[in-house]
Amino acid sequence: MTVETWLQALPHGITLSCRGAGERGRPLLVFLHGFPEAAFIWDELLEHFARPEHGGYRCVAPNLRGFERSSAPADVAAYRPKFLVQDITALIEAEGGQLACLVAHDWGGAVAWNLAVQAPQLVPRLVIVNSPHPGTFLRDLQSDPQQQEASAYMNFLVRPDAERILAENDYQRLFGFFGEWGASSWLTPTVKQQYREVWNGPAGGPPGAGLVGGCNYYRASPLRPARGEDPGASAITLPREMLTVTVPTLVVWGMQDVALRPSLLDGLDEYVHDLAIERVPDASHWIVHERPQLVAGRIGAFLARQ
């Protein structure tokens, strides 16, 4: 089973560069990546679930807008959740609209939580991997000094010079994120080159040009620790109807995540009606890289659940 790549033009003028495996027309699994990642992180799972013995699914992982070769609007406001949700809704429709499950990590999870709230009829099942629900994340950003400290990096990523600084010394800081937030034995020279190609952006652009879209996700969101004259999360109130998830949901959480603390799982059942949580003690935020077969196994068992 091989992974194919293509550019998917959507009706509202956005194009997503996609990776996929499996026969078109089969039940659909969609996988959403986070920052500073890209769709290639899901390749092993795309191949896994496309095989007949694992369901024979049609598996698609888009690069979110602003990443890799997907459309990258210049306006920061274009990275607000409603537009990101619109992209994934249109992609599901372009693939036939028969989604079996939405799987998402990090920023992809933020999109997935919103889509499940806004359009539960499109999302029969939801799998979240180390991505906080907006209700518990807002709570901890407002009241938990440890999560506020863990999320302080967000206030760096909104700086206008963040991309340039991240690109310095062959992306030393970004590659450092992987090591600081978990063991990075998976970060082989081949994987590092895949990341460089994404972060470099289009040929001829300045160093780090491929990071502008990803940083714009942070710039467009007020969900970050308050600092100075920036109230961040302290100024936000979210009504319950924007937080309630009614679809069956599996949360897989690497418990060594130092950026998104395990306390974000506390009280999650207040927002998610049908919830299963799989805590993985020996994995970090980068669990998809670290333990892809474990993640695949947990997802497979969830899909098989009646």
Protein backbone atom coordinates (compact mmCIF):
# COMPACT_ATOMS: atom_id res chain seq x y z
CA MET A 1 0.00 0.00 0.00
CA THR A 2 1.51 3.32 -1.06
CA VAL A 3 0.66 6.89 -0.13
CA GLU A 4 -0.49 9.11 -2.98
CA THR A 5 -0.35 12.91 -3.03
CA TRP A 6 -2.55 15.42 -4.81
CA LEU A 7 -3.90 18.97 -4.70
CA GLN A 8 -7.59 19.16 -3.80
CA ALA A 9 -9.32 22.35 -4.95
CA LEU A 10 -12.30 23.24 -2.78
CA PRO A 11 -15.38 25.23 -3.85
CA HIS A 12 -14.58 28.25 -1.63
CA GLY A 13 -11.24 28.91 -3.31
CA ILE A 14 -8.87 27.06 -0.97
CA THR A 15 -6.63 24.26 -2.20
CA LEU A 16 -5.36 21.60 0.20
CA SER A 17 -2.37 19.43 -0.59
CA CYS A 18 -3.34 15.94 0.50
CA ARG A 19 -1.85 12.55 1.19
CA GLY A 20 -3.94 9.42 1.02
CA ALA A 21 -4.17 5.67 0.67
CA GLY A 22 -6.94 3.23 -0.05
CA GLU A 23 -9.68 2.90 -2.59
CA ARG A 24 -11.89 5.91 -3.25
CA GLY A 25 -15.49 5.25 -2.29
CA ARG A 26 -14.62 3.19 0.76
CA PRO A 27 -15.58 4.47 4.25
CA LEU A 28 -13.45 7.52 4.92
CA LEU A 29 -10.94 8.29 7.67
CA VAL A 30 -9.58 11.84 7.74
CA PHE A 31 -6.42 12.68 9.71
CA LEU A 32 -5.53 16.25 10.78
CA HIS A 33 -2.00 17.26 11.83
CA GLY A 34 -0.76 20.01 14.13
CA PHE A 35 2.11 22.51 14.42
CA PRO A 36 4.92 22.42 13.43
CA GLU A 37 4.02 19.20 11.67
CA ALA A 38 2.46 18.36 8.31
CA ALA A 39 0.31 15.63 6.78
CA PHE A 40 3.24 13.25 6.29
CA ILE A 41 3.21 12.37 10.01
CA TRP A 42 0.18 10.17 9.33
CA ASP A 43 1.68 8.08 6.48
CA GLU A 44 2.09 4.90 8.52
CA LEU A 45 -1.50 5.11 9.75
CA LEU A 46 -2.83 5.87 6.25
CA GLU A 47 -1.21 2.70 4.94
CA HIS A 48 -2.32 0.70 7.99
CA PHE A 49 -6.02 1.49 7.79
CA ALA A 50 -6.14 1.22 3.99
CA ARG A 51 -5.23 -2.48 4.21
CA PRO A 52 -8.20 -4.88 4.00
CA GLU A 53 -7.27 -6.58 7.27
CA HIS A 54 -7.57 -3.23 9.06
CA GLY A 55 -10.84 -2.12 7.50
CA GLY A 56 -9.88 -1.20 3.95
CA TYR A 57 -10.68 2.45 4.58
CA ARG A 58 -10.14 5.37 2.27
CA CYS A 59 -7.60 7.37 4.32
CA VAL A 60 -6.90 11.06 3.67
CA ALA A 61 -4.55 13.46 5.49
CA PRO A 62 -4.69 17.05 4.25
CA ASN A 63 -2.07 19.64 4.94
CA LEU A 64 -4.10 22.30 6.73
CA ARG A 65 -4.31 25.74 5.13
CA GLY A 66 -0.99 27.52 5.56
CA PHE A 67 1.04 24.30 5.58
CA GLU A 68 3.17 22.66 2.87
CA ARG A 69 1.57 23.32 -0.56
CA SER A 70 -1.91 24.14 0.73
CA SER A 71 -3.31 27.64 0.23
CA ALA A 72 -1.75 30.14 2.64
CA PRO A 73 -3.86 33.31 2.88
CA ALA A 74 -1.90 36.38 3.99
CA ASP A 75 -4.67 37.68 6.27
CA VAL A 76 -4.26 36.37 9.83
CA ALA A 77 -8.04 36.39 10.25
CA ALA A 78 -8.24 33.67 7.57
CA TYR A 79 -6.90 31.20 10.16
CA ARG A 80 -9.83 31.52 12.55
CA PRO A 81 -11.64 28.27 13.42
CA LYS A 82 -14.70 28.86 11.25
CA PHE A 83 -12.54 28.93 8.11
CA LEU A 84 -10.48 25.90 9.12
CA VAL A 85 -13.68 23.95 9.77
CA GLN A 86 -15.00 25.04 6.37
CA ASP A 87 -11.92 23.55 4.69
CA ILE A 88 -12.34 20.14 6.31
CA THR A 89 -16.09 20.06 5.73
CA ALA A 90 -15.50 20.75 2.03
CA LEU A 91 -12.77 18.10 1.86
CA ILE A 92 -15.08 15.47 3.37
CA GLU A 93 -17.72 16.38 0.80
CA ALA A 94 -15.14 16.18 -2.01
CA GLU A 95 -14.27 12.66 -0.86
CA GLY A 96 -17.90 11.56 -0.99
CA GLY A 97 -19.14 12.69 2.38
CA GLN A 98 -19.19 9.23 4.02
CA LEU A 99 -16.84 9.90 6.91
CA ALA A 100 -16.33 7.01 9.32
CA CYS A 101 -14.08 8.84 11.77
CA LEU A 102 -12.12 12.07 12.13
CA VAL A 103 -8.66 11.66 13.73
CA ALA A 104 -6.67 14.69 14.84
CA HIS A 105 -3.58 15.81 16.77
CA ASP A 106 -2.56 19.17 18.27
CA TRP A 107 -3.92 22.07 16.14
CA GLY A 108 -5.73 19.54 13.97
CA GLY A 109 -7.54 18.56 17.15
CA ALA A 110 -8.67 22.15 17.68
CA VAL A 111 -10.26 22.02 14.22
CA ALA A 112 -11.77 18.60 14.90
CA TRP A 113 -13.31 19.59 18.25
CA ASN A 114 -14.96 22.56 16.54
CA LEU A 115 -16.23 20.49 13.62
CA ALA A 116 -17.72 17.86 15.94
CA VAL A 117 -19.54 20.59 17.89
CA GLN A 118 -20.78 22.48 14.84
CA ALA A 119 -21.66 19.60 12.51
CA PRO A 120 -22.06 16.35 14.47
CA GLN A 121 -24.04 14.89 11.57
CA LEU A 122 -20.79 14.84 9.55
CA VAL A 123 -18.64 13.20 12.25
CA PRO A 124 -19.87 9.73 13.30
CA ARG A 125 -16.80 9.25 15.50
CA LEU A 126 -13.96 11.41 16.74
CA VAL A 127 -10.41 10.51 17.82
CA ILE A 128 -8.34 13.20 19.51
CA VAL A 129 -4.61 12.76 20.14
CA ASN A 130 -3.00 15.17 22.63
CA SER A 131 -5.18 18.13 21.76
CA PRO A 132 -7.12 19.90 24.50
CA HIS A 133 -10.84 20.42 24.44
CA PRO A 134 -11.48 24.19 24.29
CA GLY A 135 -13.46 24.08 27.55
CA THR A 136 -10.74 22.53 29.70
CA PHE A 137 -8.00 24.45 27.88
CA LEU A 138 -9.70 27.79 28.51
CA ARG A 139 -10.26 26.84 32.14
CA ASP A 140 -6.59 25.99 32.72
CA LEU A 141 -5.25 28.97 30.76
CA GLN A 142 -7.34 31.18 33.02
CA SER A 143 -6.70 29.50 36.36
CA ASP A 144 -3.77 27.03 36.35
CA PRO A 145 -0.31 28.65 36.69
CA GLN A 146 1.38 25.43 35.56
CA GLN A 147 -0.55 25.29 32.28
CA GLN A 148 -0.03 29.01 31.79
CA GLU A 149 3.70 28.46 32.09
CA ALA A 150 3.59 25.39 29.83
CA SER A 151 1.74 27.44 27.17
CA ALA A 152 4.04 30.47 27.37
CA TYR A 153 5.64 29.46 24.05
CA MET A 154 2.42 30.59 22.36
CA ASN A 155 3.28 34.19 23.17
CA PHE A 156 6.55 33.75 21.30
CA LEU A 157 4.83 32.28 18.24
CA VAL A 158 2.58 35.34 17.81
CA ARG A 159 5.59 37.65 17.49
CA PRO A 160 5.99 39.17 14.02
CA ASP A 161 9.53 37.82 13.79
CA ALA A 162 8.74 34.30 15.05
CA GLU A 163 9.28 32.61 11.68
CA ARG A 164 12.66 34.24 11.14
CA ILE A 165 13.88 33.29 14.62
CA LEU A 166 12.62 29.72 14.28
CA ALA A 167 14.51 29.34 11.00
CA GLU A 168 17.86 30.35 12.51
CA ASN A 169 20.68 27.79 12.69
CA ASP A 170 18.86 25.19 10.60
CA TYR A 171 15.66 25.39 12.67
CA GLN A 172 17.54 24.70 15.90
CA ARG A 173 14.67 25.90 18.11
CA LEU A 174 12.00 23.89 16.27
CA PHE A 175 14.00 20.69 16.31
CA GLY A 176 14.60 21.48 19.97
CA PHE A 177 10.85 21.42 20.61
CA PHE A 178 10.84 17.75 19.71
CA GLY A 179 13.59 16.98 22.20
CA GLU A 180 12.26 19.20 24.99
CA TRP A 181 8.71 17.86 24.71
CA GLY A 182 9.63 14.17 24.50
CA ALA A 183 12.28 11.64 23.53
CA SER A 184 13.14 12.21 19.87
CA SER A 185 14.85 9.00 18.76
CA TRP A 186 12.33 8.92 15.89
CA LEU A 187 13.79 12.17 14.52
CA THR A 188 16.02 10.51 11.93
CA PRO A 189 17.88 12.44 9.21
CA THR A 190 15.12 11.44 6.77
CA VAL A 191 12.35 12.79 9.00
CA LYS A 192 14.33 15.97 9.69
CA GLN A 193 14.61 16.56 5.95
CA GLN A 194 10.86 16.09 5.54
CA TYR A 195 10.35 18.81 8.13
CA ARG A 196 12.91 21.13 6.51
CA GLU A 197 11.12 20.87 3.18
CA VAL A 198 7.80 21.85 4.82
CA TRP A 199 9.29 24.68 6.89
CA ASN A 200 11.37 26.11 4.01
CA GLY A 201 8.22 26.83 2.03
CA PRO A 202 8.21 27.69 -1.68
CA ALA A 203 11.55 27.84 -3.47
CA GLY A 204 12.98 31.33 -3.47
CA GLY A 205 11.23 32.42 -0.29
CA PRO A 206 12.98 33.60 2.88
CA PRO A 207 14.08 31.01 5.44
CA GLY A 208 11.11 29.79 7.40
CA ALA A 209 8.56 30.93 4.82
CA GLY A 210 6.71 27.64 5.31
CA LEU A 211 6.12 28.52 8.97
CA VAL A 212 4.10 31.70 8.39
CA GLY A 213 0.77 29.91 8.08
CA GLY A 214 1.38 27.79 11.17
CA CYS A 215 2.31 30.82 13.28
CA ASN A 216 -0.83 32.55 12.00
CA TYR A 217 -2.91 29.91 13.79
CA TYR A 218 -1.56 31.24 17.09
CA ARG A 219 -1.93 34.87 16.00
CA ALA A 220 -5.58 34.31 15.07
CA SER A 221 -6.48 32.63 18.37
CA PRO A 222 -6.91 34.36 21.74
CA LEU A 223 -6.45 31.00 23.52
CA ARG A 224 -3.05 31.77 25.02
CA PRO A 225 -1.82 32.95 28.41
CA ALA A 226 -2.48 36.57 29.33
CA ARG A 227 0.59 38.78 29.12
CA GLY A 228 1.04 42.51 29.62
CA GLU A 229 -1.56 44.37 27.61
CA ASP A 230 -2.68 41.17 25.85
CA PRO A 231 -5.52 39.63 27.90
CA GLY A 232 -5.38 36.39 25.90
CA ALA A 233 -7.62 33.71 27.35
CA SER A 234 -8.53 35.80 30.39
CA ALA A 235 -10.94 37.86 28.27
CA ILE A 236 -12.82 34.89 26.78
CA THR A 237 -16.14 33.34 27.74
CA LEU A 238 -17.39 30.36 25.72
CA PRO A 239 -21.07 29.35 25.95
CA ARG A 240 -21.83 25.71 26.65
CA GLU A 241 -23.36 25.19 23.19
CA MET A 242 -19.94 25.93 21.66
CA LEU A 243 -18.33 23.23 23.82
CA THR A 244 -20.66 20.22 23.90
CA VAL A 245 -19.62 17.15 21.88
CA THR A 246 -22.31 14.53 21.33
CA VAL A 247 -20.49 12.09 19.02
CA PRO A 248 -18.59 9.03 20.35
CA THR A 249 -15.10 10.26 21.16
CA LEU A 250 -11.79 8.58 21.94
CA VAL A 251 -9.00 10.68 23.45
CA VAL A 252 -5.48 9.19 23.29
CA TRP A 253 -3.07 11.12 25.50
CA GLY A 254 0.69 10.77 25.87
CA MET A 255 1.05 11.52 29.58
CA GLN A 256 4.59 12.91 29.25
CA ASP A 257 3.32 15.91 27.26
CA VAL A 258 4.95 18.94 28.88
CA ALA A 259 3.17 21.53 26.76
CA LEU A 260 -0.37 20.21 27.28
CA ARG A 261 -0.55 18.92 30.82
CA PRO A 262 -2.60 15.82 31.70
CA SER A 263 -4.82 18.00 33.91
CA LEU A 264 -6.52 19.06 30.68
CA LEU A 265 -8.27 15.67 30.79
CA ASP A 266 -9.88 16.52 34.14
CA GLY A 267 -13.56 17.33 33.72
CA LEU A 268 -13.57 16.43 30.03
CA ASP A 269 -16.62 14.24 30.56
CA GLU A 270 -18.59 17.38 31.40
CA TYR A 271 -18.31 18.40 27.75
CA VAL A 272 -18.17 15.07 25.88
CA HIS A 273 -21.22 12.83 26.28
CA ASP A 274 -19.72 9.56 25.00
CA LEU A 275 -16.07 9.60 26.04
CA ALA A 276 -13.25 7.07 26.29
CA ILE A 277 -9.77 8.15 27.41
CA GLU A 278 -6.60 6.13 26.75
CA ARG A 279 -3.70 7.41 28.84
CA VAL A 280 -0.29 6.32 27.53
CA PRO A 281 2.27 6.70 30.34
CA ASP A 282 5.44 6.38 28.26
CA ALA A 283 4.59 8.75 25.41
CA SER A 284 4.81 12.52 24.92
CA HIS A 285 3.12 15.14 22.79
CA TRP A 286 4.75 13.51 19.76
CA ILE A 287 3.03 10.16 20.32
CA VAL A 288 2.12 9.80 16.63
CA HIS A 289 5.84 9.72 15.80
CA GLU A 290 6.83 7.75 18.90
CA ARG A 291 4.16 5.04 19.00
CA PRO A 292 2.32 4.91 15.63
CA GLN A 293 1.31 1.25 15.99
CA LEU A 294 -0.05 1.84 19.49
CA VAL A 295 -2.09 4.78 18.20
CA ALA A 296 -3.31 2.65 15.28
CA GLY A 297 -4.31 -0.14 17.66
CA ARG A 298 -6.31 2.21 19.88
CA ILE A 299 -8.07 3.72 16.88
CA GLY A 300 -8.79 0.29 15.40
CA ALA A 301 -10.37 -0.93 18.63
CA PHE A 302 -12.48 2.23 18.80
CA LEU A 303 -13.67 1.79 15.21
CA ALA A 304 -14.63 -1.80 15.96
CA ARG A 305 -16.65 -0.82 19.00
CA GLN A 306 -20.39 -1.28 18.52
